[in-house]
Amino acid sequence: MNVKITPKGLRVSNGLNQEEVAEHLGISLTQYRRKENGKVRFYADEIYKLSKLYDVPIAIFFTDEVSYKDTNGVNII
């Protein structure tokens, strides 16, 4: 059984609120909320900062599955 670790799960388990994490990443609260809710993806530098903040390996933010979308948002793989 695989347990999926999410940015939200890490944030909550570390006792942080969204505003604190957004500030750590140097982004607005609105931007962070959109990223945490999966509406917008995290950039590589943000993933790096999250891994340092939570003291976890970067790899936990990635799944074994990769999908690519075309410019219309349609999965091509």
Protein backbone atom coordinates (compact mmCIF):
# COMPACT_ATOMS: atom_id res chain seq x y z
CA MET A 1 0.00 0.00 0.00
CA ASN A 2 1.40 3.37 -1.03
CA VAL A 3 0.71 6.43 1.06
CA LYS A 4 0.74 9.64 -0.90
CA ILE A 5 2.52 12.50 0.81
CA THR A 6 1.16 15.85 -0.27
CA PRO A 7 2.33 19.41 0.34
CA LYS A 8 -0.82 19.93 2.42
CA GLY A 9 -0.16 16.82 4.49
CA LEU A 10 3.39 17.93 5.18
CA ARG A 11 2.24 21.43 6.07
CA VAL A 12 -0.41 20.22 8.49
CA SER A 13 1.84 17.60 10.10
CA ASN A 14 4.45 20.31 10.68
CA GLY A 15 1.93 22.65 12.30
CA LEU A 16 2.20 25.38 9.69
CA ASN A 17 -0.55 27.40 8.07
CA GLN A 18 -0.76 28.27 4.39
CA GLU A 19 0.36 31.84 4.95
CA GLU A 20 3.58 30.73 6.67
CA VAL A 21 4.48 28.35 3.83
CA ALA A 22 3.61 30.95 1.18
CA GLU A 23 5.92 33.42 2.91
CA HIS A 24 8.69 30.80 3.05
CA LEU A 25 8.30 30.23 -0.70
CA GLY A 26 8.14 33.95 -1.45
CA ILE A 27 4.74 33.75 -3.11
CA SER A 28 1.31 35.14 -2.34
CA LEU A 29 -1.15 33.25 -0.19
CA THR A 30 -3.48 32.97 -3.20
CA GLN A 31 -0.70 31.45 -5.32
CA TYR A 32 0.15 28.95 -2.59
CA ARG A 33 -3.48 27.92 -2.15
CA ARG A 34 -3.81 27.29 -5.88
CA LYS A 35 -0.65 25.16 -5.86
CA GLU A 36 -1.62 23.20 -2.74
CA ASN A 37 -5.07 22.50 -4.23
CA GLY A 38 -3.51 21.20 -7.45
CA LYS A 39 -4.77 23.97 -9.72
CA VAL A 40 -1.22 25.17 -10.47
CA ARG A 41 2.02 23.17 -10.30
CA PHE A 42 4.92 23.93 -8.02
CA TYR A 43 8.12 25.15 -9.68
CA ALA A 44 11.38 23.24 -9.12
CA ASP A 45 12.77 25.91 -6.80
CA GLU A 46 9.61 25.80 -4.71
CA ILE A 47 9.84 22.01 -4.40
CA TYR A 48 13.44 22.41 -3.28
CA LYS A 49 12.41 24.97 -0.65
CA LEU A 50 9.60 22.69 0.57
CA SER A 51 11.99 19.76 0.89
CA LYS A 52 14.30 21.89 3.04
CA LEU A 53 11.44 23.35 5.10
CA TYR A 54 10.05 19.90 5.92
CA ASP A 55 13.44 18.12 5.94
CA VAL A 56 12.29 15.50 3.42
CA PRO A 57 13.86 14.25 0.18
CA ILE A 58 12.77 16.01 -3.00
CA ALA A 59 11.75 12.66 -4.49
CA ILE A 60 8.66 12.39 -2.27
CA PHE A 61 7.03 15.16 -4.30
CA PHE A 62 7.17 13.06 -7.46
CA THR A 63 5.21 9.99 -8.48
CA ASP A 64 6.35 7.21 -10.73
CA GLU A 65 3.73 8.28 -13.25
CA VAL A 66 4.32 11.14 -15.62
CA SER A 67 1.70 12.62 -17.88
CA TYR A 68 2.10 15.27 -20.48
CA LYS A 69 -0.60 17.59 -21.70
CA ASP A 70 -0.78 19.45 -24.94
CA THR A 71 -1.51 23.18 -25.08
CA ASN A 72 -5.25 22.43 -24.80
CA GLY A 73 -4.77 20.49 -21.57
CA VAL A 74 -5.39 17.12 -23.19
CA ASN A 75 -3.25 14.18 -21.96
CA ILE A 76 -0.97 12.93 -24.71
CA ILE A 77 0.75 10.19 -22.70
